[in-house]
Amino acid sequence: MKTATEKEKHVYTVSELTKYMRVILEDSFPSVWIEGEISNFILHSSGHIYFSLRDASSSLKCAFFKRANEKLKFKLKDGMKVICFGSISVYEARGDYQLIVEEVEPKGIGALQLQFQALKEKLAKEGLFDEGHKVSIPFLPTRIGIVTSPTGAAIRDILNIARRRFSNVEIIINPVRVQGESAKDEIANAIREFNKLKNIDVMIVTRGGGSLEDLWPFNEEVVARAIYDSEIPVISAVGHEIDYTISDFVADFRAPTPSAAAELVIPRKEDLVNLINTAITRLGNALGSKINILAEKLTTLRESYILRQPLNLITQYEQEIDDLRKDMAIRIDHLVKIKGENFNLLTGKLETLSPLAILNRGYSITTRLPEGLILKDAGLLKKGDEIETKLGNGKFKSRVEETSNG
C-alpha cells in the first residue's frame, strides 16, 4: 500500500515541463521591451532572422520572423545595440526560452535616422552626390516647374514671390502628395514627367517644414534616382533651413526653404531693368568716347602731309628707287671685277702648274706603247720597243735602236 508522500508525487516528462514553462512565460511576459547588443546574427533563406541579445553577463535568443521584419527600415548586424519589443516564449524542440521579436529600434538613434545614414552612404559611394554631375541653374528661366502639394504653404510662398519679383515668369505645377507612403512614387513620377515633356527650364522639388517622418518621402531612393537622372536642373527646397534630406544632396542646388528657392531662381524684375539701364548708359558712354577718339584720329590724318601732298610722297619713293638701282649697279660691277681678278689669278696658277706649259718650254713626255707607260728610266726600254713622244705642239712615234743608262 502506497504512502501519502508517494501518492502526491508527480513525475513530468520533458515535453510536459517544457509546455508548462512556455505557458508560464507567455502569460507572464506577453509584451516586453528588452535592450542589448546583437550577436550571432543569421538571416535565414526563409526570410526569418535569428540572433542573440546580450549584455555584460547574460544572453537571450531572439526570433524575428519574416512577417514582422519586412517592415524594418534598417539592417541589423552583429555589435549593434538595439531595443526589441516582443513576447517571451519557449522553443519546445530544444527547451530554449526566447524572445519573439515584433519590433526593433536602434538604441541611441532613431530607425529613420539610421536608414537615412545608410542610404546616404550608399548613394554617395555610387557617385550620386558628385559635384561633377551637377549643372548650373539658368539665370532667367521663362518657365519653372514645381513638384509639390497644390495646397501646401510651399507653393503659396513661391507664387507670392514670383508675382512680386517677376510676374512674367510662367510657373507649371505638377501636383503630388508630399507626405505618406505613396508620396515617394508620385514625386519621382512627377520629376520624370517634366523630363519627358521638356517644357520647363528649371524644376523645384519642394515642401514646407515638418518632422523627419513628414519629410521622409524626400529621403527615399526612388526620388533620389529620379533627381539624379533628370536632364532638367533641379533645386531641392524641403523643410526649413536646418532640415537636410537625400534630395538636397542629389539635386543640382539645395535651397534652405521654398521661399529661398523662389528667390534664387526668380530675379527681381526691377533689378534687371536697372541692370539693363546701367548697361545701356555704359554702352552709350563707351561708344561716345570711341567716336571722339576716332574723330580726333581722322582730323589728324586729314591734316597730315601725306593726305595734303600725296604725289610728293610718290616722287620721293621714285627717287629712292633710282638711288637704290644705281647703288645696286655699282655694287654688282665692283663684285664682278673682284671675282674676275680672282678668276684670272687662279687661271694663271693653273697654267703655271699645267703639264702643257712645261712642254711648251721644250720638254716632252715619252710613253711606251702599247700600254702608255710614262718613261722615266731608259732601262725600261729595249731595242725594237715602240714609243710615243708628246711635245709642246704635236707628238710622234719612233722605234728604239739603242739604249744607255746614266
Protein backbone atom coordinates (compact mmCIF):
# COMPACT_ATOMS: atom_id res chain seq x y z
CA MET A 1 0.00 0.00 0.00
CA LYS A 2 1.40 3.48 -1.09
CA THR A 3 2.20 6.14 1.42
CA ALA A 4 0.69 9.66 1.25
CA THR A 5 4.00 11.09 0.10
CA GLU A 6 4.13 8.65 -2.77
CA LYS A 7 0.53 9.46 -3.75
CA GLU A 8 1.30 13.22 -4.02
CA LYS A 9 4.47 12.66 -6.14
CA HIS A 10 4.11 13.64 -9.88
CA VAL A 11 6.83 12.97 -12.46
CA TYR A 12 6.85 15.30 -15.51
CA THR A 13 8.13 14.37 -18.93
CA VAL A 14 10.50 16.82 -20.61
CA SER A 15 7.79 17.81 -23.07
CA GLU A 16 5.24 18.38 -20.32
CA LEU A 17 7.58 20.57 -18.35
CA THR A 18 8.61 22.50 -21.44
CA LYS A 19 5.00 23.19 -22.38
CA TYR A 20 4.23 24.17 -18.80
CA MET A 21 7.17 26.60 -18.75
CA ARG A 22 6.09 28.01 -22.12
CA VAL A 23 2.61 28.77 -20.81
CA ILE A 24 4.04 30.39 -17.69
CA LEU A 25 6.49 32.59 -19.65
CA GLU A 26 3.98 33.61 -22.32
CA ASP A 27 1.39 34.51 -19.69
CA SER A 28 3.96 36.34 -17.58
CA PHE A 29 5.65 38.28 -20.40
CA PRO A 30 3.09 38.81 -23.21
CA SER A 31 4.80 42.04 -24.25
CA VAL A 32 8.18 43.30 -23.17
CA TRP A 33 10.92 45.75 -24.26
CA ILE A 34 14.46 44.42 -23.96
CA GLU A 35 17.72 46.16 -24.81
CA GLY A 36 21.03 44.57 -25.63
CA GLU A 37 23.75 44.04 -28.21
CA ILE A 38 23.16 41.82 -31.25
CA SER A 39 25.36 38.76 -31.64
CA ASN A 40 25.24 35.53 -33.70
CA PHE A 41 23.15 37.30 -36.36
CA ILE A 42 21.69 34.94 -39.01
CA LEU A 43 19.44 35.82 -41.96
CA HIS A 44 17.81 32.55 -42.96
CA SER A 45 16.87 31.76 -46.57
CA SER A 46 13.23 31.70 -45.43
CA GLY A 47 13.49 35.40 -44.57
CA HIS A 48 13.42 34.79 -40.81
CA ILE A 49 16.12 36.45 -38.71
CA TYR A 50 17.75 34.82 -35.70
CA PHE A 51 20.15 36.49 -33.27
CA SER A 52 21.00 36.82 -29.60
CA LEU A 53 20.68 39.84 -27.33
CA ARG A 54 23.43 40.05 -24.78
CA ASP A 55 24.73 42.31 -22.08
CA ALA A 56 27.74 42.03 -19.78
CA SER A 57 26.62 38.80 -18.12
CA SER A 58 23.69 37.20 -19.98
CA SER A 59 22.39 36.27 -23.42
CA LEU A 60 18.85 35.87 -24.79
CA LYS A 61 17.97 34.13 -28.05
CA CYS A 62 15.63 36.01 -30.39
CA ALA A 63 13.48 35.03 -33.38
CA PHE A 64 12.41 37.80 -35.78
CA PHE A 65 10.04 36.20 -38.28
CA LYS A 66 9.65 37.41 -41.87
CA ARG A 67 6.10 38.72 -41.40
CA ALA A 68 7.45 41.12 -38.76
CA ASN A 69 10.88 42.03 -40.15
CA GLU A 70 9.61 43.04 -43.63
CA LYS A 71 8.77 46.47 -42.20
CA LEU A 72 12.27 47.00 -40.82
CA LYS A 73 13.78 50.28 -42.12
CA PHE A 74 17.43 49.47 -41.44
CA LYS A 75 19.80 46.50 -41.49
CA LEU A 76 20.66 44.55 -38.37
CA LYS A 77 24.21 43.39 -37.78
CA ASP A 78 26.43 41.97 -35.06
CA GLY A 79 27.53 44.51 -32.48
CA MET A 80 24.55 46.83 -32.98
CA LYS A 81 22.87 48.00 -29.79
CA VAL A 82 19.08 47.79 -30.11
CA ILE A 83 15.82 47.80 -28.21
CA CYS A 84 13.49 44.92 -29.11
CA PHE A 85 9.77 44.58 -28.44
CA GLY A 86 8.03 41.21 -28.35
CA SER A 87 6.90 38.34 -26.18
CA ILE A 88 8.78 35.65 -24.27
CA SER A 89 8.20 32.08 -25.41
CA VAL A 90 9.88 28.65 -25.38
CA TYR A 91 11.15 26.72 -28.39
CA GLU A 92 9.98 23.29 -27.29
CA ALA A 93 12.28 21.24 -29.56
CA ARG A 94 15.34 22.49 -27.65
CA GLY A 95 13.76 23.75 -24.49
CA ASP A 96 15.22 27.23 -25.12
CA TYR A 97 13.34 30.25 -23.95
CA GLN A 98 13.46 33.10 -26.47
CA LEU A 99 12.09 36.48 -27.44
CA ILE A 100 9.64 36.52 -30.37
CA VAL A 101 10.53 39.93 -31.81
CA GLU A 102 7.85 42.20 -33.28
CA GLU A 103 9.74 45.50 -33.49
CA VAL A 104 13.37 46.64 -33.33
CA GLU A 105 14.71 50.13 -32.75
CA PRO A 106 18.37 51.15 -32.71
CA LYS A 107 19.45 52.34 -29.29
CA GLY A 108 20.54 55.99 -29.14
CA ILE A 109 19.41 56.81 -32.72
CA GLY A 110 16.03 56.58 -34.41
CA ALA A 111 15.30 53.95 -37.02
CA LEU A 112 14.54 56.56 -39.67
CA GLN A 113 17.75 58.42 -38.90
CA LEU A 114 19.72 55.19 -39.22
CA GLN A 115 18.00 54.43 -42.53
CA PHE A 116 18.83 57.96 -43.68
CA GLN A 117 22.53 57.49 -42.91
CA ALA A 118 22.63 54.08 -44.61
CA LEU A 119 21.05 55.37 -47.84
CA LYS A 120 23.24 58.48 -47.81
CA GLU A 121 26.39 56.36 -47.61
CA LYS A 122 25.17 54.02 -50.34
CA LEU A 123 24.31 56.79 -52.83
CA ALA A 124 27.50 58.69 -52.04
CA LYS A 125 29.55 55.61 -52.95
CA GLU A 126 27.64 55.36 -56.24
CA GLY A 127 28.52 58.99 -57.08
CA LEU A 128 25.02 60.47 -56.93
CA PHE A 129 26.30 63.42 -54.88
CA ASP A 130 29.34 64.22 -57.06
CA GLU A 131 29.70 67.90 -57.97
CA GLY A 132 30.81 66.97 -61.47
CA HIS A 133 27.30 65.71 -62.26
CA LYS A 134 25.56 68.91 -61.15
CA VAL A 135 24.60 71.62 -63.67
CA SER A 136 24.14 75.36 -63.21
CA ILE A 137 20.76 76.98 -62.63
CA PRO A 138 19.60 79.22 -65.55
CA PHE A 139 19.82 82.94 -64.80
CA LEU A 140 16.38 83.93 -66.04
CA PRO A 141 14.10 80.95 -66.76
CA THR A 142 10.93 81.66 -68.70
CA ARG A 143 9.09 78.58 -67.37
CA ILE A 144 9.56 76.94 -63.95
CA GLY A 145 8.21 73.52 -62.95
CA ILE A 146 7.15 72.92 -59.34
CA VAL A 147 6.80 69.43 -57.85
CA THR A 148 4.83 69.86 -54.62
CA SER A 149 1.43 69.70 -52.98
CA PRO A 150 -1.01 72.18 -54.59
CA THR A 151 -2.48 73.00 -51.18
CA GLY A 152 0.68 73.38 -49.11
CA ALA A 153 2.34 76.51 -47.81
CA ALA A 154 5.37 75.97 -50.06
CA ILE A 155 3.52 76.64 -53.33
CA ARG A 156 1.78 79.70 -51.86
CA ASP A 157 5.14 81.18 -50.85
CA ILE A 158 6.65 80.50 -54.28
CA LEU A 159 3.70 82.01 -56.16
CA ASN A 160 3.71 85.13 -53.96
CA ILE A 161 7.42 85.67 -54.54
CA ALA A 162 7.05 85.06 -58.28
CA ARG A 163 4.28 87.66 -58.58
CA ARG A 164 6.27 90.16 -56.56
CA ARG A 165 9.65 89.66 -58.23
CA PHE A 166 8.90 88.83 -61.89
CA SER A 167 5.30 88.27 -62.91
CA ASN A 168 6.30 87.40 -66.48
CA VAL A 169 7.73 84.04 -65.37
CA GLU A 170 5.42 81.13 -66.13
CA ILE A 171 5.00 78.50 -63.42
CA ILE A 172 3.74 74.95 -64.04
CA ILE A 173 2.69 72.89 -61.01
CA ASN A 174 2.81 69.10 -61.08
CA PRO A 175 0.68 68.29 -58.00
CA VAL A 176 1.81 65.42 -55.77
CA ARG A 177 1.43 64.19 -52.22
CA VAL A 178 4.43 65.22 -50.14
CA GLN A 179 3.67 63.02 -47.13
CA GLY A 180 2.66 59.40 -46.67
CA GLU A 181 3.57 56.05 -48.17
CA SER A 182 2.52 56.86 -51.78
CA ALA A 183 4.24 60.26 -51.85
CA LYS A 184 7.66 58.94 -52.94
CA ASP A 185 6.33 57.38 -56.15
CA GLU A 186 4.22 60.44 -57.00
CA ILE A 187 7.23 62.75 -56.56
CA ALA A 188 9.52 60.52 -58.65
CA ASN A 189 6.91 60.20 -61.42
CA ALA A 190 6.36 63.97 -61.50
CA ILE A 191 10.09 64.56 -61.98
CA ARG A 192 10.15 62.04 -64.83
CA GLU A 193 7.06 63.62 -66.45
CA PHE A 194 8.70 67.04 -66.59
CA ASN A 195 11.77 65.48 -68.23
CA LYS A 196 9.59 63.66 -70.74
CA LEU A 197 7.65 66.82 -71.68
CA LYS A 198 10.79 69.04 -71.72
CA ASN A 199 8.60 72.13 -71.34
CA ILE A 200 10.40 73.85 -68.43
CA ASP A 201 13.82 75.45 -67.89
CA VAL A 202 14.29 74.52 -64.24
CA MET A 203 12.48 72.40 -61.64
CA ILE A 204 11.86 72.99 -57.91
CA VAL A 205 11.11 69.91 -55.77
CA THR A 206 9.72 71.27 -52.53
CA ARG A 207 7.50 71.10 -49.46
CA GLY A 208 7.21 73.01 -46.18
CA GLY A 209 8.61 72.05 -42.81
CA GLY A 210 7.70 69.05 -40.70
CA SER A 211 9.05 66.16 -38.69
CA LEU A 212 11.53 63.62 -40.04
CA GLU A 213 8.61 61.31 -40.74
CA ASP A 214 6.78 64.08 -42.64
CA LEU A 215 9.83 64.81 -44.81
CA TRP A 216 10.65 61.15 -45.36
CA PRO A 217 9.42 60.84 -49.00
CA PHE A 218 12.32 63.13 -49.96
CA ASN A 219 14.71 60.63 -48.34
CA GLU A 220 13.53 57.74 -50.49
CA GLU A 221 15.89 56.14 -53.01
CA VAL A 222 13.35 56.28 -55.87
CA VAL A 223 13.13 60.09 -55.52
CA ALA A 224 16.92 60.46 -55.31
CA ARG A 225 17.46 58.48 -58.50
CA ALA A 226 14.74 60.42 -60.36
CA ILE A 227 16.50 63.68 -59.45
CA TYR A 228 19.90 62.27 -60.46
CA ASP A 229 18.56 61.12 -63.84
CA SER A 230 16.86 64.46 -64.56
CA GLU A 231 18.18 66.33 -67.59
CA ILE A 232 16.46 69.48 -66.29
CA PRO A 233 18.27 71.36 -63.49
CA VAL A 234 16.69 70.53 -60.12
CA ILE A 235 16.52 72.70 -56.99
CA SER A 236 15.66 70.87 -53.76
CA ALA A 237 13.85 73.01 -51.17
CA VAL A 238 12.50 70.73 -48.45
CA GLY A 239 11.52 71.86 -44.96
CA HIS A 240 13.34 74.54 -43.00
CA GLU A 241 16.95 75.67 -43.12
CA ILE A 242 18.05 73.09 -40.52
CA ASP A 243 16.40 70.20 -42.39
CA TYR A 244 18.53 68.11 -44.76
CA THR A 245 17.19 65.35 -46.99
CA ILE A 246 18.72 62.96 -49.51
CA SER A 247 17.11 65.09 -52.24
CA ASP A 248 19.23 68.05 -51.12
CA PHE A 249 22.46 66.12 -51.70
CA VAL A 250 21.46 64.78 -55.14
CA ALA A 251 19.91 67.98 -56.56
CA ASP A 252 21.89 70.48 -58.59
CA PHE A 253 21.24 73.10 -55.91
CA ARG A 254 19.86 72.99 -52.37
CA ALA A 255 17.74 75.89 -51.11
CA PRO A 256 17.13 76.13 -47.34
CA THR A 257 13.43 76.91 -47.77
CA PRO A 258 10.81 77.06 -50.57
CA SER A 259 10.90 80.86 -50.41
CA ALA A 260 14.68 80.86 -50.80
CA ALA A 261 14.34 78.60 -53.85
CA ALA A 262 11.92 81.06 -55.47
CA GLU A 263 14.22 84.00 -54.74
CA LEU A 264 17.19 82.07 -56.12
CA VAL A 265 15.59 81.16 -59.44
CA ILE A 266 13.41 84.26 -59.98
CA PRO A 267 15.40 87.51 -60.10
CA ARG A 268 13.74 90.82 -59.26
CA LYS A 269 12.40 92.48 -62.40
CA GLU A 270 13.34 95.93 -61.06
CA ASP A 271 16.93 94.78 -60.56
CA LEU A 272 17.11 93.51 -64.13
CA VAL A 273 15.65 96.75 -65.51
CA ASN A 274 18.18 98.78 -63.52
CA LEU A 275 20.95 96.49 -64.72
CA ILE A 276 19.86 96.94 -68.34
CA ASN A 277 19.62 100.72 -67.97
CA THR A 278 23.07 100.83 -66.41
CA ALA A 279 24.44 98.72 -69.25
CA ILE A 280 22.80 100.99 -71.84
CA THR A 281 24.32 104.07 -70.19
CA ARG A 282 27.77 102.48 -70.04
CA LEU A 283 27.47 101.35 -73.65
CA GLY A 284 26.46 104.86 -74.76
CA ASN A 285 29.38 106.40 -72.91
CA ALA A 286 31.81 103.86 -74.35
CA LEU A 287 30.53 104.41 -77.90
CA GLY A 288 30.68 108.20 -77.49
CA SER A 289 34.25 108.01 -76.22
CA LYS A 290 35.25 105.70 -79.07
CA ILE A 291 33.66 108.02 -81.66
CA ASN A 292 35.53 111.01 -80.22
CA ILE A 293 38.84 109.16 -80.36
CA LEU A 294 38.25 108.11 -83.97
CA ALA A 295 37.18 111.67 -84.90
CA GLU A 296 40.44 113.04 -83.50
CA LYS A 297 42.42 110.47 -85.46
CA LEU A 298 40.53 111.37 -88.61
CA THR A 299 41.27 115.07 -88.12
CA THR A 300 44.95 114.30 -87.58
CA LEU A 301 45.09 112.19 -90.71
CA ARG A 302 43.22 114.80 -92.74
CA GLU A 303 45.81 117.42 -91.78
CA SER A 304 48.81 115.16 -92.34
CA TYR A 305 51.36 115.83 -95.10
CA ILE A 306 50.62 112.60 -96.95
CA LEU A 307 46.99 113.49 -97.49
CA ARG A 308 47.75 117.10 -98.39
CA GLN A 309 50.56 116.28 -100.90
CA PRO A 310 50.17 112.61 -101.87
CA LEU A 311 52.13 112.96 -105.21
CA ASN A 312 55.16 114.34 -103.40
CA LEU A 313 55.45 111.15 -101.42
CA ILE A 314 55.27 109.08 -104.61
CA THR A 315 58.01 111.23 -106.18
CA GLN A 316 60.24 110.71 -103.15
CA TYR A 317 59.72 106.96 -103.38
CA GLU A 318 60.65 107.03 -107.11
CA GLN A 319 63.87 108.92 -106.35
CA GLU A 320 64.67 106.48 -103.60
CA ILE A 321 64.17 103.59 -106.05
CA ASP A 322 66.54 105.25 -108.56
CA ASP A 323 69.17 105.65 -105.86
CA LEU A 324 68.80 102.03 -104.86
CA ARG A 325 69.07 100.91 -108.50
CA LYS A 326 72.25 102.99 -109.02
CA ASP A 327 73.81 101.74 -105.83
CA MET A 328 72.95 98.17 -106.83
CA ALA A 329 74.62 98.58 -110.26
CA ILE A 330 77.82 99.92 -108.65
CA ARG A 331 77.90 97.10 -106.17
CA ILE A 332 77.33 94.46 -108.88
CA ASP A 333 80.09 95.95 -111.08
CA HIS A 334 82.51 96.05 -108.17
CA LEU A 335 81.66 92.45 -107.28
CA VAL A 336 82.19 91.30 -110.89
CA LYS A 337 85.62 92.98 -111.02
CA ILE A 338 86.71 91.35 -107.77
CA LYS A 339 85.52 87.93 -108.93
CA GLY A 340 87.24 88.46 -112.34
CA GLU A 341 90.54 89.23 -110.72
CA ASN A 342 90.26 86.14 -108.56
CA PHE A 343 89.45 84.12 -111.64
CA ASN A 344 92.49 85.41 -113.58
CA LEU A 345 94.73 84.71 -110.59
CA LEU A 346 93.51 81.13 -110.36
CA THR A 347 93.82 80.68 -114.13
CA GLY A 348 97.45 81.84 -114.04
CA LYS A 349 98.27 79.44 -111.27
CA LEU A 350 96.58 76.65 -113.19
CA GLU A 351 98.54 77.42 -116.36
CA THR A 352 101.81 77.54 -114.42
CA LEU A 353 101.18 74.11 -112.97
CA SER A 354 99.80 72.63 -116.20
CA PRO A 355 101.92 69.89 -117.90
CA LEU A 356 101.26 71.62 -121.25
CA ALA A 357 103.12 74.72 -120.06
CA ILE A 358 106.13 72.56 -119.24
CA LEU A 359 106.02 71.02 -122.69
CA ASN A 360 105.89 74.49 -124.28
CA ARG A 361 109.20 75.26 -122.63
CA GLY A 362 110.91 72.46 -124.67
CA TYR A 363 110.24 69.44 -122.58
CA SER A 364 108.47 66.28 -123.78
CA ILE A 365 106.72 63.19 -122.41
CA THR A 366 107.56 59.74 -123.75
CA THR A 367 105.39 56.67 -123.18
CA ARG A 368 105.99 53.05 -124.09
CA LEU A 369 103.45 51.54 -126.39
CA PRO A 370 101.06 49.97 -126.31
CA GLU A 371 100.37 50.26 -122.54
CA GLY A 372 101.22 54.02 -122.40
CA LEU A 373 103.69 53.71 -119.55
CA ILE A 374 105.41 57.08 -118.90
CA LEU A 375 109.15 56.52 -119.18
CA LYS A 376 111.50 57.90 -116.57
CA ASP A 377 114.30 55.33 -116.94
CA ALA A 378 115.92 54.12 -120.21
CA GLY A 379 116.36 50.75 -118.56
CA LEU A 380 112.62 50.19 -119.10
CA LEU A 381 113.21 50.02 -122.87
CA LYS A 382 114.88 47.52 -125.14
CA LYS A 383 115.76 47.56 -128.81
CA GLY A 384 112.73 47.37 -131.00
CA ASP A 385 110.23 48.85 -128.49
CA GLU A 386 107.74 51.30 -129.97
CA ILE A 387 107.41 54.62 -128.12
CA GLU A 388 105.37 57.81 -128.44
CA THR A 389 106.70 61.26 -127.66
CA LYS A 390 104.41 64.23 -126.91
CA LEU A 391 105.79 67.72 -127.49
CA GLY A 392 104.53 71.21 -126.73
CA ASN A 393 102.91 71.10 -130.17
CA GLY A 394 102.09 67.66 -131.51
CA LYS A 395 103.51 64.14 -130.98
CA PHE A 396 105.36 61.41 -132.90
CA LYS A 397 106.09 57.70 -132.71
CA SER A 398 109.50 56.02 -133.01
CA ARG A 399 111.27 52.69 -132.54
CA VAL A 400 114.18 52.13 -130.15
CA GLU A 401 117.52 51.30 -131.82
CA GLU A 402 119.80 51.63 -128.83
CA THR A 403 119.52 52.48 -125.09
CA SER A 404 122.06 53.58 -122.48
CA ASN A 405 121.84 54.37 -118.71
CA GLY A 406 123.50 57.13 -116.68
